C-alpha cells in the first residue's frame, strides 16, 4: 500500500489509478464553491469500484481560528450538511454507499460541540 499526499483540487496522479481516497476532516478547509472541483478530482483518480471516505463536522457555519495549541494560525473551518455533501458527490459521479452521523464527543484534547459525519462513496464500474 502506498499513500499519496497532495492538493485535493489538483492531484498529481493519472486517471483511474487509486483504490481509495481518504479525506479525513480535510474538506472542511475548501471553500463551498470549490468542493465540486475536489470531488470531481477524487472521481478522476479513482479506479472503477474505488472508494472515497470523508469525515467532517456537521453544520452551516464557518469558524475562523487564530490559535491552536498555543500557536498562531489562520484557519477557516467550514461545517457541512451531509445531504449537501452527498448531493455533490453524486454530481461528481460517485455513489454514496454509507452515511453515519455521530453525536459530539466532549472528551479528549479537542471537545466537540457538533455532530460528526462520515460518508463513503464509490466510483461505479462501467456498465457493459
C-alpha atoms as a PDB file:
ATOM      1  CA  UNK A   1       0.000   0.000   0.000  1.00  0.00           C
ATOM      2  CA  UNK A   2       1.206   3.500  -0.755  1.00  0.00           C
ATOM      3  CA  UNK A   3      -0.006   6.858   0.469  1.00  0.00           C
ATOM      4  CA  UNK A   4      -0.064   9.920  -1.761  1.00  0.00           C
ATOM      5  CA  UNK A   5      -0.341  13.425  -0.372  1.00  0.00           C
ATOM      6  CA  UNK A   6      -1.388  16.381  -2.486  1.00  0.00           C
ATOM      7  CA  UNK A   7      -3.896  19.140  -3.108  1.00  0.00           C
ATOM      8  CA  UNK A   8      -7.458  17.865  -3.288  1.00  0.00           C
ATOM      9  CA  UNK A   9      -8.048  20.309  -6.125  1.00  0.00           C
ATOM     10  CA  UNK A  10      -5.239  19.047  -8.387  1.00  0.00           C
ATOM     11  CA  UNK A  11      -3.885  15.603  -7.546  1.00  0.00           C
ATOM     12  CA  UNK A  12      -0.642  14.837  -9.379  1.00  0.00           C
ATOM     13  CA  UNK A  13      -1.864  11.404 -10.464  1.00  0.00           C
ATOM     14  CA  UNK A  14      -3.053   9.803 -13.684  1.00  0.00           C
ATOM     15  CA  UNK A  15      -6.720   8.958 -14.176  1.00  0.00           C
ATOM     16  CA  UNK A  16      -8.247   5.869 -12.515  1.00  0.00           C
ATOM     17  CA  UNK A  17      -5.203   4.729 -10.509  1.00  0.00           C
ATOM     18  CA  UNK A  18      -6.356   4.791  -6.872  1.00  0.00           C
ATOM     19  CA  UNK A  19      -8.372   2.221  -4.980  1.00  0.00           C
ATOM     20  CA  UNK A  20      -9.368   4.779  -2.363  1.00  0.00           C
ATOM     21  CA  UNK A  21      -9.309   8.402  -1.269  1.00  0.00           C
ATOM     22  CA  UNK A  22      -9.361   9.347   2.420  1.00  0.00           C
ATOM     23  CA  UNK A  23     -10.360  12.936   3.189  1.00  0.00           C
ATOM     24  CA  UNK A  24     -10.471  12.894   6.980  1.00  0.00           C
ATOM     25  CA  UNK A  25     -11.563  16.311   8.263  1.00  0.00           C
ATOM     26  CA  UNK A  26      -9.942  17.984   5.270  1.00  0.00           C
ATOM     27  CA  UNK A  27     -12.836  19.038   3.004  1.00  0.00           C
ATOM     28  CA  UNK A  28     -13.766  21.494   5.769  1.00  0.00           C
ATOM     29  CA  UNK A  29     -10.917  23.720   4.570  1.00  0.00           C
ATOM     30  CA  UNK A  30     -12.185  24.020   0.988  1.00  0.00           C
ATOM     31  CA  UNK A  31     -14.476  26.970   0.163  1.00  0.00           C
ATOM     32  CA  UNK A  32     -18.013  25.871  -0.757  1.00  0.00           C
ATOM     33  CA  UNK A  33     -17.673  26.875  -4.394  1.00  0.00           C
ATOM     34  CA  UNK A  34     -14.592  24.624  -4.840  1.00  0.00           C
ATOM     35  CA  UNK A  35     -15.968  21.451  -3.214  1.00  0.00           C
ATOM     36  CA  UNK A  36     -17.403  20.173  -6.535  1.00  0.00           C
ATOM     37  CA  UNK A  37     -13.942  20.584  -8.058  1.00  0.00           C
ATOM     38  CA  UNK A  38     -12.364  18.477  -5.289  1.00  0.00           C
ATOM     39  CA  UNK A  39     -14.980  15.725  -5.640  1.00  0.00           C
ATOM     40  CA  UNK A  40     -14.510  15.669  -9.424  1.00  0.00           C
ATOM     41  CA  UNK A  41     -10.782  15.249  -8.827  1.00  0.00           C
ATOM     42  CA  UNK A  42     -11.439  12.356  -6.429  1.00  0.00           C
ATOM     43  CA  UNK A  43     -13.589  10.693  -9.078  1.00  0.00           C
ATOM     44  CA  UNK A  44     -10.969  11.257 -11.770  1.00  0.00           C
ATOM     45  CA  UNK A  45      -8.151   9.498  -9.873  1.00  0.00           C
ATOM     46  CA  UNK A  46     -10.290   6.622  -8.585  1.00  0.00           C
ATOM     47  CA  UNK A  47     -10.340   3.328 -10.424  1.00  0.00           C
ATOM     48  CA  UNK A  48     -13.811   1.856 -11.044  1.00  0.00           C
ATOM     49  CA  UNK A  49     -15.052   0.450  -7.749  1.00  0.00           C
ATOM     50  CA  UNK A  50     -12.712   2.766  -5.807  1.00  0.00           C
ATOM     51  CA  UNK A  51     -13.941   4.304  -2.571  1.00  0.00           C
ATOM     52  CA  UNK A  52     -13.930   7.773  -1.031  1.00  0.00           C
ATOM     53  CA  UNK A  53     -14.211   8.117   2.745  1.00  0.00           C
ATOM     54  CA  UNK A  54     -14.971  11.568   4.153  1.00  0.00           C
ATOM     55  CA  UNK A  55     -15.264  12.852   7.711  1.00  0.00           C
ATOM     56  CA  UNK A  56     -16.411  16.352   8.659  1.00  0.00           C
ATOM     57  CA  UNK A  57     -18.281  18.397  11.247  1.00  0.00           C
ATOM     58  CA  UNK A  58     -21.995  18.909  10.658  1.00  0.00           C
ATOM     59  CA  UNK A  59     -23.423  22.395  10.405  1.00  0.00           C
ATOM     60  CA  UNK A  60     -23.676  25.573   8.356  1.00  0.00           C
ATOM     61  CA  UNK A  61     -21.107  27.821   9.933  1.00  0.00           C
ATOM     62  CA  UNK A  62     -17.609  28.972   9.065  1.00  0.00           C
ATOM     63  CA  UNK A  63     -15.329  29.090  12.091  1.00  0.00           C
ATOM     64  CA  UNK A  64     -12.145  31.185  11.915  1.00  0.00           C
ATOM     65  CA  UNK A  65      -9.363  30.058  14.258  1.00  0.00           C
ATOM     66  CA  UNK A  66      -6.364  32.230  15.132  1.00  0.00           C
ATOM     67  CA  UNK A  67      -4.729  29.986  17.745  1.00  0.00           C
ATOM     68  CA  UNK A  68      -4.221  26.228  18.011  1.00  0.00           C
ATOM     69  CA  UNK A  69      -2.347  24.504  20.815  1.00  0.00           C
ATOM     70  CA  UNK A  70      -0.589  27.730  21.746  1.00  0.00           C
ATOM     71  CA  UNK A  71       0.491  28.619  18.203  1.00  0.00           C
ATOM     72  CA  UNK A  72      -0.866  31.399  15.993  1.00  0.00           C
ATOM     73  CA  UNK A  73      -2.731  30.083  12.944  1.00  0.00           C
ATOM     74  CA  UNK A  74      -5.165  31.399  10.351  1.00  0.00           C
ATOM     75  CA  UNK A  75      -7.629  28.613   9.552  1.00  0.00           C
ATOM     76  CA  UNK A  76     -11.215  28.584   8.386  1.00  0.00           C
ATOM     77  CA  UNK A  77     -13.299  25.506   9.160  1.00  0.00           C
ATOM     78  CA  UNK A  78     -16.500  25.064   7.167  1.00  0.00           C
ATOM     79  CA  UNK A  79     -19.061  22.784   8.743  1.00  0.00           C
ATOM     80  CA  UNK A  80     -21.070  20.911   6.143  1.00  0.00           C
ATOM     81  CA  UNK A  81     -24.520  19.355   5.822  1.00  0.00           C
ATOM     82  CA  UNK A  82     -24.273  15.621   4.966  1.00  0.00           C
ATOM     83  CA  UNK A  83     -27.097  15.838   2.427  1.00  0.00           C
ATOM     84  CA  UNK A  84     -25.287  18.674   0.592  1.00  0.00           C
ATOM     85  CA  UNK A  85     -22.027  16.701   0.552  1.00  0.00           C
ATOM     86  CA  UNK A  86     -23.858  13.568  -0.663  1.00  0.00           C
ATOM     87  CA  UNK A  87     -25.507  15.539  -3.479  1.00  0.00           C
ATOM     88  CA  UNK A  88     -22.158  16.964  -4.622  1.00  0.00           C
ATOM     89  CA  UNK A  89     -20.535  13.531  -4.511  1.00  0.00           C
ATOM     90  CA  UNK A  90     -23.333  12.248  -6.753  1.00  0.00           C
ATOM     91  CA  UNK A  91     -22.899  15.120  -9.204  1.00  0.00           C
ATOM     92  CA  UNK A  92     -19.194  14.236  -9.404  1.00  0.00           C
ATOM     93  CA  UNK A  93     -20.087  10.680 -10.436  1.00  0.00           C
ATOM     94  CA  UNK A  94     -19.660   8.991  -7.044  1.00  0.00           C
ATOM     95  CA  UNK A  95     -22.391   6.838  -5.498  1.00  0.00           C
ATOM     96  CA  UNK A  96     -22.915   7.362  -1.773  1.00  0.00           C
ATOM     97  CA  UNK A  97     -22.913   3.902  -0.189  1.00  0.00           C
ATOM     98  CA  UNK A  98     -22.964   4.738   3.541  1.00  0.00           C
ATOM     99  CA  UNK A  99     -23.621   7.668   5.875  1.00  0.00           C
ATOM    100  CA  UNK A 100     -23.135   7.895   9.607  1.00  0.00           C
ATOM    101  CA  UNK A 101     -23.818  10.762  11.995  1.00  0.00           C
ATOM    102  CA  UNK A 102     -22.114  10.632  15.373  1.00  0.00           C
ATOM    103  CA  UNK A 103     -23.005  12.752  18.351  1.00  0.00           C
ATOM    104  CA  UNK A 104     -20.331  15.135  19.707  1.00  0.00           C
ATOM    105  CA  UNK A 105     -17.586  13.672  21.888  1.00  0.00           C
ATOM    106  CA  UNK A 106     -16.710  16.102  24.663  1.00  0.00           C
ATOM    107  CA  UNK A 107     -13.694  14.139  25.945  1.00  0.00           C
ATOM    108  CA  UNK A 108     -10.055  14.465  24.947  1.00  0.00           C
ATOM    109  CA  UNK A 109      -7.918  17.278  23.618  1.00  0.00           C
ATOM    110  CA  UNK A 110     -10.490  18.618  21.164  1.00  0.00           C
ATOM    111  CA  UNK A 111     -14.002  18.555  22.697  1.00  0.00           C
ATOM    112  CA  UNK A 112     -16.674  18.617  20.001  1.00  0.00           C
ATOM    113  CA  UNK A 113     -19.810  20.710  20.047  1.00  0.00           C
ATOM    114  CA  UNK A 114     -21.324  19.492  16.786  1.00  0.00           C
ATOM    115  CA  UNK A 115     -22.243  16.192  15.214  1.00  0.00           C
ATOM    116  CA  UNK A 116     -19.640  14.441  13.094  1.00  0.00           C
ATOM    117  CA  UNK A 117     -20.481  12.998   9.677  1.00  0.00           C
ATOM    118  CA  UNK A 118     -18.846  10.093   7.857  1.00  0.00           C
ATOM    119  CA  UNK A 119     -19.715   9.375   4.215  1.00  0.00           C
ATOM    120  CA  UNK A 120     -18.444   6.634   1.967  1.00  0.00           C
ATOM    121  CA  UNK A 121     -18.938   6.797  -1.794  1.00  0.00           C
ATOM    122  CA  UNK A 122     -17.881   4.541  -4.660  1.00  0.00           C
ATOM    123  CA  UNK A 123     -16.918   5.192  -8.259  1.00  0.00           C
ATOM    124  CA  UNK A 124     -19.167   2.883 -10.231  1.00  0.00           C
ATOM    125  CA  UNK A 125     -17.754   0.363 -12.663  1.00  0.00           C
ATOM    126  CA  UNK A 126     -18.670   0.952 -16.299  1.00  0.00           C
ATOM    127  CA  UNK A 127     -21.792  -0.901 -17.353  1.00  0.00           C
ATOM    128  CA  UNK A 128     -21.310  -3.123 -20.272  1.00  0.00           C
END
